[in-house]
């Protein structure tokens, strides 16, 4: 009872208890655990109803909502195409909050990779009729982290100018807005440190 999207046969196949087998009361706990592992339900109850010599198991489930639409909001610096491969959560799939948090982390990591170290991404779920939801990833990009000045300390034998010529990290300038010069990138900085 209560299943709208999940087929009854899929529920039966996942259960330890089987039709025609002897009834064992403590198997209901195992059945509930097995059904929760499907990740389709927010609540499960199993009632045993005596019917003459037999027992009918009534499985009452509350399905998690299905996703109608997945959107991005606030992504001005990175396009939807830049982020679409990170969206593991798709329309028509069952809502999984852990999956939404994983996608938000991937989007945040992508922004960090592009120099937006202060970017914040949070999933928002809007409830709709018919047990549906819309998911929106709210993105606050903030400004890129720019390298204002590079200072070398302790370089007695090699000039700072020579060292600047060897490292990839560069100071920002008036053209930084157009060509990303001076954008801080952690992986580049770590490579520079290892030189």
C-alpha atoms as a PDB file:
ATOM      1  CA  UNK A   1       0.000   0.000   0.000  1.00  0.00           C
ATOM      2  CA  UNK A   2       1.159   3.551  -0.739  1.00  0.00           C
ATOM      3  CA  UNK A   3       3.472   2.712  -3.626  1.00  0.00           C
ATOM      4  CA  UNK A   4       2.826   4.767  -6.746  1.00  0.00           C
ATOM      5  CA  UNK A   5       6.093   4.635  -8.669  1.00  0.00           C
ATOM      6  CA  UNK A   6       7.754   1.521  -7.273  1.00  0.00           C
ATOM      7  CA  UNK A   7       6.327  -1.708  -8.695  1.00  0.00           C
ATOM      8  CA  UNK A   8       4.821  -4.179  -6.177  1.00  0.00           C
ATOM      9  CA  UNK A   9       6.994  -6.953  -7.655  1.00  0.00           C
ATOM     10  CA  UNK A  10      10.138  -4.927  -6.925  1.00  0.00           C
ATOM     11  CA  UNK A  11       9.033  -4.575  -3.301  1.00  0.00           C
ATOM     12  CA  UNK A  12       8.234  -8.302  -2.995  1.00  0.00           C
ATOM     13  CA  UNK A  13      11.539  -9.302  -4.606  1.00  0.00           C
ATOM     14  CA  UNK A  14      13.513  -7.244  -2.076  1.00  0.00           C
ATOM     15  CA  UNK A  15      11.853  -8.798   0.950  1.00  0.00           C
ATOM     16  CA  UNK A  16      13.177 -11.757   2.946  1.00  0.00           C
ATOM     17  CA  UNK A  17       9.619 -12.970   3.604  1.00  0.00           C
ATOM     18  CA  UNK A  18       8.094 -14.777   0.613  1.00  0.00           C
ATOM     19  CA  UNK A  19       4.545 -15.827  -0.283  1.00  0.00           C
ATOM     20  CA  UNK A  20       3.962 -19.498   0.518  1.00  0.00           C
ATOM     21  CA  UNK A  21       6.820 -19.668   3.038  1.00  0.00           C
ATOM     22  CA  UNK A  22       6.211 -20.197   6.768  1.00  0.00           C
ATOM     23  CA  UNK A  23       5.510 -16.946   8.627  1.00  0.00           C
ATOM     24  CA  UNK A  24       8.344 -15.834  10.932  1.00  0.00           C
ATOM     25  CA  UNK A  25       7.470 -12.693  12.912  1.00  0.00           C
ATOM     26  CA  UNK A  26      11.027 -11.381  13.423  1.00  0.00           C
ATOM     27  CA  UNK A  27      11.697 -11.416   9.647  1.00  0.00           C
ATOM     28  CA  UNK A  28       9.640  -8.210   9.388  1.00  0.00           C
ATOM     29  CA  UNK A  29      12.626  -6.250  10.750  1.00  0.00           C
ATOM     30  CA  UNK A  30      14.849  -7.749   8.049  1.00  0.00           C
ATOM     31  CA  UNK A  31      12.202  -6.937   5.429  1.00  0.00           C
ATOM     32  CA  UNK A  32      12.044  -3.306   6.545  1.00  0.00           C
ATOM     33  CA  UNK A  33      15.854  -2.985   6.437  1.00  0.00           C
ATOM     34  CA  UNK A  34      15.959  -4.538   2.957  1.00  0.00           C
ATOM     35  CA  UNK A  35      13.272  -2.168   1.691  1.00  0.00           C
ATOM     36  CA  UNK A  36      14.976   0.910   3.151  1.00  0.00           C
ATOM     37  CA  UNK A  37      18.154  -0.091   1.260  1.00  0.00           C
ATOM     38  CA  UNK A  38      16.235   0.491  -1.989  1.00  0.00           C
ATOM     39  CA  UNK A  39      16.327   4.202  -1.037  1.00  0.00           C
ATOM     40  CA  UNK A  40      12.824   4.789  -2.433  1.00  0.00           C
ATOM     41  CA  UNK A  41      10.884   5.119   0.822  1.00  0.00           C
ATOM     42  CA  UNK A  42      10.785   7.580   3.704  1.00  0.00           C
ATOM     43  CA  UNK A  43       8.611   5.284   5.872  1.00  0.00           C
ATOM     44  CA  UNK A  44       7.809   1.554   5.899  1.00  0.00           C
ATOM     45  CA  UNK A  45       5.436  -0.466   8.073  1.00  0.00           C
ATOM     46  CA  UNK A  46       4.595  -4.153   7.826  1.00  0.00           C
ATOM     47  CA  UNK A  47       1.363  -5.498   9.341  1.00  0.00           C
ATOM     48  CA  UNK A  48       0.608  -9.210   9.713  1.00  0.00           C
ATOM     49  CA  UNK A  49      -3.123  -9.891   9.212  1.00  0.00           C
ATOM     50  CA  UNK A  50      -4.390 -13.394  10.108  1.00  0.00           C
ATOM     51  CA  UNK A  51      -6.502 -14.958   7.340  1.00  0.00           C
ATOM     52  CA  UNK A  52      -7.665 -18.378   8.487  1.00  0.00           C
ATOM     53  CA  UNK A  53      -4.621 -20.650   8.654  1.00  0.00           C
ATOM     54  CA  UNK A  54      -2.485 -18.115   6.771  1.00  0.00           C
ATOM     55  CA  UNK A  55      -1.062 -14.678   7.446  1.00  0.00           C
ATOM     56  CA  UNK A  56      -1.152 -11.827   4.936  1.00  0.00           C
ATOM     57  CA  UNK A  57       1.697  -9.345   5.160  1.00  0.00           C
ATOM     58  CA  UNK A  58       0.590  -5.817   4.302  1.00  0.00           C
ATOM     59  CA  UNK A  59       3.528  -3.589   3.401  1.00  0.00           C
ATOM     60  CA  UNK A  60       2.673   0.089   3.859  1.00  0.00           C
ATOM     61  CA  UNK A  61       5.172   2.469   2.312  1.00  0.00           C
ATOM     62  CA  UNK A  62       5.574   6.208   1.960  1.00  0.00           C
ATOM     63  CA  UNK A  63       7.561   6.948  -1.162  1.00  0.00           C
ATOM     64  CA  UNK A  64      10.178   9.666  -1.246  1.00  0.00           C
ATOM     65  CA  UNK A  65       9.211  12.409  -3.696  1.00  0.00           C
ATOM     66  CA  UNK A  66      10.388  12.289  -7.295  1.00  0.00           C
ATOM     67  CA  UNK A  67      12.306  15.171  -8.842  1.00  0.00           C
ATOM     68  CA  UNK A  68      10.395  17.029 -11.543  1.00  0.00           C
ATOM     69  CA  UNK A  69      13.113  19.505 -12.490  1.00  0.00           C
ATOM     70  CA  UNK A  70      16.742  20.320 -11.609  1.00  0.00           C
ATOM     71  CA  UNK A  71      17.882  23.946 -11.990  1.00  0.00           C
ATOM     72  CA  UNK A  72      20.914  26.124 -11.402  1.00  0.00           C
ATOM     73  CA  UNK A  73      20.507  29.656 -10.073  1.00  0.00           C
ATOM     74  CA  UNK A  74      23.179  32.330  -9.693  1.00  0.00           C
ATOM     75  CA  UNK A  75      25.788  30.830 -12.027  1.00  0.00           C
ATOM     76  CA  UNK A  76      26.906  33.898 -13.953  1.00  0.00           C
ATOM     77  CA  UNK A  77      30.630  33.127 -14.283  1.00  0.00           C
ATOM     78  CA  UNK A  78      30.230  29.438 -15.175  1.00  0.00           C
ATOM     79  CA  UNK A  79      27.602  28.413 -17.706  1.00  0.00           C
ATOM     80  CA  UNK A  80      25.080  25.612 -17.292  1.00  0.00           C
ATOM     81  CA  UNK A  81      27.147  23.681 -19.864  1.00  0.00           C
ATOM     82  CA  UNK A  82      30.224  24.018 -17.613  1.00  0.00           C
ATOM     83  CA  UNK A  83      28.276  22.430 -14.759  1.00  0.00           C
ATOM     84  CA  UNK A  84      25.911  19.963 -16.462  1.00  0.00           C
ATOM     85  CA  UNK A  85      28.284  16.984 -16.206  1.00  0.00           C
ATOM     86  CA  UNK A  86      28.380  17.474 -12.424  1.00  0.00           C
ATOM     87  CA  UNK A  87      24.601  17.130 -12.050  1.00  0.00           C
ATOM     88  CA  UNK A  88      24.257  13.452 -11.108  1.00  0.00           C
ATOM     89  CA  UNK A  89      20.730  14.223  -9.910  1.00  0.00           C
ATOM     90  CA  UNK A  90      18.255  14.023 -12.787  1.00  0.00           C
ATOM     91  CA  UNK A  91      14.580  14.729 -13.361  1.00  0.00           C
ATOM     92  CA  UNK A  92      12.306  11.737 -12.603  1.00  0.00           C
ATOM     93  CA  UNK A  93      14.791  10.285 -10.090  1.00  0.00           C
ATOM     94  CA  UNK A  94      13.892   9.781  -6.429  1.00  0.00           C
ATOM     95  CA  UNK A  95      14.918  12.618  -4.097  1.00  0.00           C
ATOM     96  CA  UNK A  96      18.086  11.753  -2.191  1.00  0.00           C
ATOM     97  CA  UNK A  97      19.383  14.553   0.054  1.00  0.00           C
ATOM     98  CA  UNK A  98      22.853  12.956   0.320  1.00  0.00           C
ATOM     99  CA  UNK A  99      23.109  12.990  -3.487  1.00  0.00           C
ATOM    100  CA  UNK A 100      22.125  16.692  -3.521  1.00  0.00           C
ATOM    101  CA  UNK A 101      24.880  17.494  -1.018  1.00  0.00           C
ATOM    102  CA  UNK A 102      27.418  15.559  -3.139  1.00  0.00           C
ATOM    103  CA  UNK A 103      26.428  17.525  -6.257  1.00  0.00           C
ATOM    104  CA  UNK A 104      26.666  20.840  -4.355  1.00  0.00           C
ATOM    105  CA  UNK A 105      30.207  19.861  -3.263  1.00  0.00           C
ATOM    106  CA  UNK A 106      31.175  19.024  -6.875  1.00  0.00           C
ATOM    107  CA  UNK A 107      29.873  22.395  -8.081  1.00  0.00           C
ATOM    108  CA  UNK A 108      31.783  24.169  -5.291  1.00  0.00           C
ATOM    109  CA  UNK A 109      34.962  22.286  -6.260  1.00  0.00           C
ATOM    110  CA  UNK A 110      34.498  23.356  -9.894  1.00  0.00           C
ATOM    111  CA  UNK A 111      34.269  26.999  -8.808  1.00  0.00           C
ATOM    112  CA  UNK A 112      37.408  26.602  -6.691  1.00  0.00           C
ATOM    113  CA  UNK A 113      39.182  25.129  -9.711  1.00  0.00           C
ATOM    114  CA  UNK A 114      38.257  28.311 -11.633  1.00  0.00           C
ATOM    115  CA  UNK A 115      39.538  30.611  -8.859  1.00  0.00           C
ATOM    116  CA  UNK A 116      36.249  31.305  -7.059  1.00  0.00           C
ATOM    117  CA  UNK A 117      37.395  30.151  -3.610  1.00  0.00           C
ATOM    118  CA  UNK A 118      34.555  31.934  -1.824  1.00  0.00           C
ATOM    119  CA  UNK A 119      31.749  30.367  -3.883  1.00  0.00           C
ATOM    120  CA  UNK A 120      28.867  28.854  -1.931  1.00  0.00           C
ATOM    121  CA  UNK A 121      26.447  26.259  -3.314  1.00  0.00           C
ATOM    122  CA  UNK A 122      23.366  24.975  -1.517  1.00  0.00           C
ATOM    123  CA  UNK A 123      20.525  22.761  -2.731  1.00  0.00           C
ATOM    124  CA  UNK A 124      16.956  24.019  -2.307  1.00  0.00           C
ATOM    125  CA  UNK A 125      13.966  21.662  -2.538  1.00  0.00           C
ATOM    126  CA  UNK A 126      10.513  23.033  -3.419  1.00  0.00           C
ATOM    127  CA  UNK A 127       7.590  20.706  -2.708  1.00  0.00           C
ATOM    128  CA  UNK A 128       4.983  20.314  -5.449  1.00  0.00           C
ATOM    129  CA  UNK A 129       1.664  18.425  -5.639  1.00  0.00           C
ATOM    130  CA  UNK A 130       1.616  14.689  -6.464  1.00  0.00           C
ATOM    131  CA  UNK A 131       4.701  13.921  -4.346  1.00  0.00           C
ATOM    132  CA  UNK A 132       7.014  15.839  -6.706  1.00  0.00           C
ATOM    133  CA  UNK A 133       9.773  18.356  -5.971  1.00  0.00           C
ATOM    134  CA  UNK A 134      11.865  20.869  -7.883  1.00  0.00           C
ATOM    135  CA  UNK A 135      15.552  21.021  -6.964  1.00  0.00           C
ATOM    136  CA  UNK A 136      17.481  24.272  -7.371  1.00  0.00           C
ATOM    137  CA  UNK A 137      21.191  24.615  -6.700  1.00  0.00           C
ATOM    138  CA  UNK A 138      21.594  28.166  -5.363  1.00  0.00           C
ATOM    139  CA  UNK A 139      25.041  29.489  -6.251  1.00  0.00           C
ATOM    140  CA  UNK A 140      26.698  32.537  -4.724  1.00  0.00           C
ATOM    141  CA  UNK A 141      29.839  32.981  -6.771  1.00  0.00           C
ATOM    142  CA  UNK A 142      31.497  35.930  -4.994  1.00  0.00           C
ATOM    143  CA  UNK A 143      34.650  37.391  -6.522  1.00  0.00           C
ATOM    144  CA  UNK A 144      37.682  35.468  -7.685  1.00  0.00           C
ATOM    145  CA  UNK A 145      40.621  35.431  -5.311  1.00  0.00           C
ATOM    146  CA  UNK A 146      43.321  37.576  -6.922  1.00  0.00           C
ATOM    147  CA  UNK A 147      47.050  37.580  -6.213  1.00  0.00           C
ATOM    148  CA  UNK A 148      47.832  41.181  -5.358  1.00  0.00           C
ATOM    149  CA  UNK A 149      51.536  40.870  -4.556  1.00  0.00           C
ATOM    150  CA  UNK A 150      54.163  38.127  -4.659  1.00  0.00           C
ATOM    151  CA  UNK A 151      56.956  38.619  -2.153  1.00  0.00           C
ATOM    152  CA  UNK A 152      60.023  36.401  -1.859  1.00  0.00           C
ATOM    153  CA  UNK A 153      61.819  36.181   1.482  1.00  0.00           C
ATOM    154  CA  UNK A 154      65.336  34.808   2.016  1.00  0.00           C
ATOM    155  CA  UNK A 155      66.402  34.796  -1.635  1.00  0.00           C
ATOM    156  CA  UNK A 156      69.921  36.169  -1.152  1.00  0.00           C
ATOM    157  CA  UNK A 157      71.545  34.573  -4.225  1.00  0.00           C
ATOM    158  CA  UNK A 158      68.671  34.714  -6.750  1.00  0.00           C
ATOM    159  CA  UNK A 159      66.773  37.906  -7.497  1.00  0.00           C
ATOM    160  CA  UNK A 160      62.995  38.130  -6.973  1.00  0.00           C
ATOM    161  CA  UNK A 161      62.663  39.010 -10.667  1.00  0.00           C
ATOM    162  CA  UNK A 162      64.381  35.738 -11.685  1.00  0.00           C
ATOM    163  CA  UNK A 163      62.106  33.772  -9.365  1.00  0.00           C
ATOM    164  CA  UNK A 164      58.999  35.474 -10.798  1.00  0.00           C
ATOM    165  CA  UNK A 165      60.102  34.323 -14.250  1.00  0.00           C
ATOM    166  CA  UNK A 166      60.115  30.665 -13.141  1.00  0.00           C
ATOM    167  CA  UNK A 167      56.819  30.374 -11.264  1.00  0.00           C
ATOM    168  CA  UNK A 168      53.372  30.160 -12.856  1.00  0.00           C
ATOM    169  CA  UNK A 169      51.562  32.176 -10.177  1.00  0.00           C
ATOM    170  CA  UNK A 170      51.359  35.804 -11.286  1.00  0.00           C
ATOM    171  CA  UNK A 171      50.285  39.061  -9.754  1.00  0.00           C
ATOM    172  CA  UNK A 172      47.048  40.583 -10.966  1.00  0.00           C
ATOM    173  CA  UNK A 173      46.975  43.702 -13.149  1.00  0.00           C
ATOM    174  CA  UNK A 174      44.439  45.873 -14.954  1.00  0.00           C
ATOM    175  CA  UNK A 175      43.838  43.152 -17.576  1.00  0.00           C
ATOM    176  CA  UNK A 176      43.160  40.429 -14.986  1.00  0.00           C
ATOM    177  CA  UNK A 177      39.430  40.818 -15.484  1.00  0.00           C
ATOM    178  CA  UNK A 178      39.777  39.719 -19.125  1.00  0.00           C
ATOM    179  CA  UNK A 179      42.588  37.153 -19.119  1.00  0.00           C
ATOM    180  CA  UNK A 180      42.544  35.634 -15.586  1.00  0.00           C
ATOM    181  CA  UNK A 181      46.133  36.761 -14.954  1.00  0.00           C
ATOM    182  CA  UNK A 182      46.638  36.917 -11.211  1.00  0.00           C
ATOM    183  CA  UNK A 183      43.819  34.506 -10.366  1.00  0.00           C
ATOM    184  CA  UNK A 184      44.921  32.396  -7.416  1.00  0.00           C
ATOM    185  CA  UNK A 185      44.895  28.669  -8.190  1.00  0.00           C
ATOM    186  CA  UNK A 186      45.948  26.346  -5.378  1.00  0.00           C
ATOM    187  CA  UNK A 187      47.327  23.554  -7.605  1.00  0.00           C
ATOM    188  CA  UNK A 188      49.532  26.055  -9.504  1.00  0.00           C
ATOM    189  CA  UNK A 189      50.750  27.571  -6.238  1.00  0.00           C
ATOM    190  CA  UNK A 190      51.656  24.098  -4.899  1.00  0.00           C
ATOM    191  CA  UNK A 191      53.624  23.372  -8.094  1.00  0.00           C
ATOM    192  CA  UNK A 192      55.448  26.692  -7.689  1.00  0.00           C
ATOM    193  CA  UNK A 193      56.382  25.788  -4.110  1.00  0.00           C
ATOM    194  CA  UNK A 194      57.921  22.494  -5.246  1.00  0.00           C
ATOM    195  CA  UNK A 195      60.276  24.181  -7.778  1.00  0.00           C
END
